[in-house]
Amino acid sequence: MKLSIIIPVFNEKNTISQILEKVENVDFGIEKEIIIVDDFSLDGTRDILKNYEEKYKIVYHERNYGKGRALRNGFKHVSGDWVVIQDADLEYDPSDLKNLLEKIKEPDVFVVYGSRRLHHNYLEARKSGHVFALGGIFLSWLTNLLYGTEITDEPTCYKMFRADLLPGLDLKCERFEFCPELTAKIAKKGIKIHEVPINYYPRHKNEGKKINWKDALEAVWTLLKYRFKK
């Protein structure tokens, strides 16, 4: 079995080397491939990535498109049996991916999400009342309401799924609406989304966090759109 790890990157010069080292150092017990898509970084990230060109598959965008487009282009290069998303910051610990890999060993498991809310340190990490935490709770509730799912963390980065599902999903995402679009299309196919606890180390806007309230509204619209779209 082989795991394809897709890492979308945009202006992450302060963390890209660290996250690549972390991913590389985790022994997943299976073969892994790392696919990096740089979404036209302008902060020096590309200069750093050039040092990894002989080691990893790296795709460079000629202009900034958004996370969704970066992921879709990364998926084109997948050769693994399973796919997972890894952000280029340090909010998620790659060692937690082993928990997801354990789950996929169970029968009839095709999709596994890493849930931040299922981990005992979530409220402490998010200071419980943080606006992003509340937004994530709302999006999870809305997903369950619209699609009959039972998930606790819809907007999590760690989404692991079988690679052979990709052709049938027909993803159209360009930006951060990747998460709700993937969830919606998986749910509409009747595929159960399993969850396992993961750690979370949130960063703030002044540390480079890019998602904002407009992306939350887009996520809501995406969930609604695909629920009623034939």
Protein backbone atom coordinates (compact mmCIF):
# COMPACT_ATOMS: atom_id res chain seq x y z
CA MET A 1 0.00 0.00 0.00
CA LYS A 2 1.16 3.52 -0.79
CA LEU A 3 0.13 6.88 0.68
CA SER A 4 0.18 10.06 -1.42
CA ILE A 5 0.60 13.19 0.69
CA ILE A 6 -0.45 16.39 -1.08
CA ILE A 7 1.02 19.62 0.32
CA PRO A 8 -0.40 22.88 -1.09
CA VAL A 9 1.94 25.81 -0.44
CA PHE A 10 1.53 29.56 -0.61
CA ASN A 11 4.00 31.92 1.07
CA GLU A 12 5.20 29.51 3.77
CA LYS A 13 8.94 30.20 3.84
CA ASN A 14 9.01 30.10 7.65
CA THR A 15 7.53 26.63 7.96
CA ILE A 16 7.93 24.70 4.71
CA SER A 17 11.29 23.12 5.59
CA GLN A 18 10.05 22.15 9.04
CA ILE A 19 6.86 20.51 7.83
CA LEU A 20 8.69 18.58 5.12
CA GLU A 21 11.16 17.31 7.70
CA LYS A 22 8.30 16.27 9.98
CA VAL A 23 6.50 14.40 7.20
CA GLU A 24 9.72 12.74 6.08
CA ASN A 25 10.61 11.58 9.59
CA VAL A 26 7.31 9.85 10.31
CA ASP A 27 7.44 6.09 9.75
CA PHE A 28 4.00 5.29 8.37
CA GLY A 29 4.82 1.63 7.92
CA ILE A 30 3.98 1.89 4.22
CA GLU A 31 5.44 3.56 1.14
CA LYS A 32 4.73 7.27 0.84
CA GLU A 33 5.08 9.91 -1.83
CA ILE A 34 5.13 13.65 -1.20
CA ILE A 35 3.61 15.94 -3.82
CA ILE A 36 4.04 19.69 -3.31
CA VAL A 37 2.08 22.32 -5.24
CA ASP A 38 3.38 25.87 -4.90
CA ASP A 39 0.56 28.30 -5.63
CA PHE A 40 2.84 31.10 -6.89
CA SER A 41 4.56 31.99 -3.60
CA LEU A 42 6.33 35.35 -3.63
CA ASP A 43 8.03 35.31 -0.23
CA GLY A 44 11.02 33.11 -1.04
CA THR A 45 9.25 29.78 -0.58
CA ARG A 46 10.08 28.79 -4.16
CA ASP A 47 13.78 29.27 -3.57
CA ILE A 48 13.54 26.85 -0.65
CA LEU A 49 11.54 24.31 -2.65
CA LYS A 50 14.19 24.18 -5.36
CA ASN A 51 16.38 22.34 -2.85
CA TYR A 52 13.83 19.51 -2.77
CA GLU A 53 13.19 19.07 -6.49
CA GLU A 54 15.22 15.86 -6.75
CA LYS A 55 13.49 14.36 -3.72
CA TYR A 56 9.80 15.21 -4.20
CA LYS A 57 7.38 15.89 -7.01
CA ILE A 58 6.90 19.68 -7.06
CA VAL A 59 4.37 21.54 -9.19
CA TYR A 60 4.74 25.30 -9.65
CA HIS A 61 1.76 27.46 -10.54
CA GLU A 62 2.38 30.37 -12.91
CA ARG A 63 0.00 32.53 -10.85
CA ASN A 64 -1.94 32.33 -7.60
CA TYR A 65 -5.14 30.31 -8.00
CA GLY A 66 -6.07 29.11 -4.52
CA LYS A 67 -5.82 26.03 -2.34
CA GLY A 68 -8.52 24.11 -4.20
CA ARG A 69 -6.83 24.44 -7.57
CA ALA A 70 -3.48 23.53 -6.00
CA LEU A 71 -4.94 20.34 -4.56
CA ARG A 72 -6.68 19.37 -7.79
CA ASN A 73 -3.42 19.78 -9.69
CA GLY A 74 -1.65 17.76 -7.03
CA PHE A 75 -4.18 14.95 -7.37
CA LYS A 76 -3.20 14.57 -11.03
CA HIS A 77 0.21 13.25 -9.92
CA VAL A 78 -1.03 10.76 -7.34
CA SER A 79 0.27 7.19 -7.71
CA GLY A 80 -0.69 5.96 -4.24
CA ASP A 81 -3.63 3.86 -3.07
CA TRP A 82 -4.66 6.47 -0.49
CA VAL A 83 -4.49 10.26 -0.52
CA VAL A 84 -4.25 12.74 2.35
CA ILE A 85 -3.90 16.51 2.60
CA GLN A 86 -1.11 18.10 4.63
CA ASP A 87 -1.02 21.87 5.11
CA ALA A 88 2.36 23.56 4.83
CA ASP A 89 2.12 25.30 8.20
CA LEU A 90 2.61 23.63 11.58
CA GLU A 91 -1.01 23.49 12.73
CA TYR A 92 -1.23 19.72 12.14
CA ASP A 93 1.23 17.07 13.35
CA PRO A 94 2.06 14.53 10.60
CA SER A 95 2.56 11.81 13.21
CA ASP A 96 -1.22 11.91 13.73
CA LEU A 97 -1.64 10.53 10.22
CA LYS A 98 -0.73 7.15 11.68
CA ASN A 99 -4.05 7.22 13.53
CA LEU A 100 -5.88 7.66 10.23
CA LEU A 101 -3.86 4.85 8.65
CA GLU A 102 -4.86 2.54 11.47
CA LYS A 103 -8.51 3.29 10.80
CA ILE A 104 -8.33 2.45 7.10
CA LYS A 105 -7.26 -1.08 8.01
CA GLU A 106 -10.83 -1.75 9.12
CA PRO A 107 -13.30 -3.28 6.63
CA ASP A 108 -15.37 -0.98 4.43
CA VAL A 109 -13.48 2.20 5.36
CA PHE A 110 -12.97 4.45 2.35
CA VAL A 111 -12.70 7.90 3.96
CA VAL A 112 -11.22 9.02 7.29
CA TYR A 113 -11.09 12.55 8.71
CA GLY A 114 -8.82 13.64 11.52
CA SER A 115 -11.08 15.37 14.04
CA ARG A 116 -9.63 18.15 16.17
CA ARG A 117 -12.77 18.25 18.29
CA LEU A 118 -12.43 14.62 19.31
CA HIS A 119 -9.04 15.29 20.90
CA HIS A 120 -9.00 16.12 24.60
CA ASN A 121 -6.87 19.26 24.09
CA TYR A 122 -9.12 20.90 21.49
CA LEU A 123 -10.86 23.42 23.71
CA GLU A 124 -7.60 24.44 25.29
CA ALA A 125 -5.95 24.85 21.88
CA ARG A 126 -8.81 26.90 20.50
CA LYS A 127 -9.55 28.84 23.72
CA SER A 128 -13.08 27.38 23.28
CA GLY A 129 -14.70 30.66 22.16
CA HIS A 130 -12.38 31.39 19.22
CA VAL A 131 -14.34 32.50 16.16
CA PHE A 132 -12.71 29.87 13.93
CA ALA A 133 -13.68 27.14 16.38
CA LEU A 134 -17.28 28.29 16.40
CA GLY A 135 -17.26 28.44 12.61
CA GLY A 136 -16.01 24.86 12.42
CA ILE A 137 -18.68 23.66 14.82
CA PHE A 138 -21.36 25.38 12.75
CA LEU A 139 -20.10 23.95 9.45
CA SER A 140 -20.02 20.45 10.96
CA TRP A 141 -23.58 20.86 12.25
CA LEU A 142 -24.78 22.15 8.89
CA THR A 143 -23.10 19.25 7.08
CA ASN A 144 -24.79 16.73 9.33
CA LEU A 145 -28.13 18.46 8.88
CA LEU A 146 -27.93 18.61 5.09
CA TYR A 147 -26.28 15.27 4.35
CA GLY A 148 -27.21 13.02 7.26
CA THR A 149 -23.60 12.56 8.28
CA GLU A 150 -22.33 12.25 11.84
CA ILE A 151 -19.04 14.12 11.78
CA THR A 152 -17.55 16.50 14.33
CA ASP A 153 -14.96 18.37 12.25
CA GLU A 154 -15.92 19.05 8.64
CA PRO A 155 -13.27 21.74 7.91
CA THR A 156 -10.32 19.68 9.17
CA CYS A 157 -7.24 19.59 6.95
CA TYR A 158 -6.65 15.88 7.50
CA LYS A 159 -8.91 14.17 5.02
CA MET A 160 -7.70 10.72 3.93
CA PHE A 161 -9.50 8.83 1.19
CA ARG A 162 -8.97 6.09 -1.33
CA ALA A 163 -7.36 7.38 -4.50
CA ASP A 164 -9.80 5.52 -6.71
CA LEU A 165 -12.58 7.78 -5.45
CA LEU A 166 -11.07 10.85 -7.11
CA PRO A 167 -12.30 10.36 -10.70
CA GLY A 168 -15.90 10.06 -9.54
CA LEU A 169 -15.85 13.18 -7.38
CA ASP A 170 -15.36 15.64 -10.26
CA LEU A 171 -13.96 18.35 -7.97
CA LYS A 172 -14.31 21.95 -9.16
CA CYS A 173 -12.88 23.83 -6.16
CA GLU A 174 -10.54 26.79 -6.56
CA ARG A 175 -10.00 28.08 -3.03
CA PHE A 176 -10.87 26.95 0.51
CA GLU A 177 -14.18 25.48 -0.63
CA PHE A 178 -12.26 22.24 -1.25
CA CYS A 179 -13.25 20.92 2.18
CA PRO A 180 -17.04 21.32 1.91
CA GLU A 181 -17.08 20.24 -1.74
CA LEU A 182 -15.18 17.03 -1.00
CA THR A 183 -17.36 16.31 2.03
CA ALA A 184 -20.57 17.02 0.14
CA LYS A 185 -19.71 14.82 -2.83
CA ILE A 186 -18.53 11.94 -0.66
CA ALA A 187 -21.67 12.13 1.46
CA LYS A 188 -23.97 12.24 -1.59
CA LYS A 189 -22.40 9.00 -2.77
CA GLY A 190 -23.43 7.39 0.50
CA ILE A 191 -19.84 6.83 1.63
CA LYS A 192 -19.46 6.92 5.40
CA ILE A 193 -16.92 9.42 6.74
CA HIS A 194 -15.05 7.97 9.70
CA GLU A 195 -13.16 10.12 12.22
CA VAL A 196 -10.21 9.71 14.56
CA PRO A 197 -8.82 12.25 17.08
CA ILE A 198 -5.88 14.44 16.09
CA ASN A 199 -3.88 17.23 17.72
CA TYR A 200 -4.19 20.85 16.64
CA TYR A 201 -1.83 23.81 17.07
CA PRO A 202 -3.65 26.83 15.62
CA ARG A 203 -1.87 29.89 14.36
CA HIS A 204 -3.33 33.38 14.06
CA LYS A 205 -3.62 35.84 11.20
CA ASN A 206 -0.44 37.67 12.19
CA GLU A 207 1.36 34.32 11.93
CA GLY A 208 0.22 33.75 8.37
CA LYS A 209 -3.25 32.21 8.69
CA LYS A 210 -5.07 32.88 5.43
CA ILE A 211 -8.65 31.72 5.89
CA ASN A 212 -11.23 34.37 6.86
CA TRP A 213 -14.96 34.95 7.35
CA LYS A 214 -15.57 35.20 3.60
CA ASP A 215 -14.26 31.66 3.22
CA ALA A 216 -16.73 30.52 5.89
CA LEU A 217 -19.60 32.01 3.90
CA GLU A 218 -18.30 30.31 0.77
CA ALA A 219 -18.20 27.01 2.65
CA VAL A 220 -21.84 27.41 3.68
CA TRP A 221 -22.84 28.19 0.10
CA THR A 222 -20.87 25.19 -1.19
CA LEU A 223 -22.61 22.82 1.22
CA LEU A 224 -26.02 24.18 0.23
CA LYS A 225 -25.24 24.17 -3.48
CA TYR A 226 -24.13 20.56 -3.70
CA ARG A 227 -26.91 19.30 -1.44
CA PHE A 228 -29.56 20.39 -3.93
CA LYS A 229 -27.57 20.08 -7.14
CA LYS A 230 -28.45 17.06 -9.27
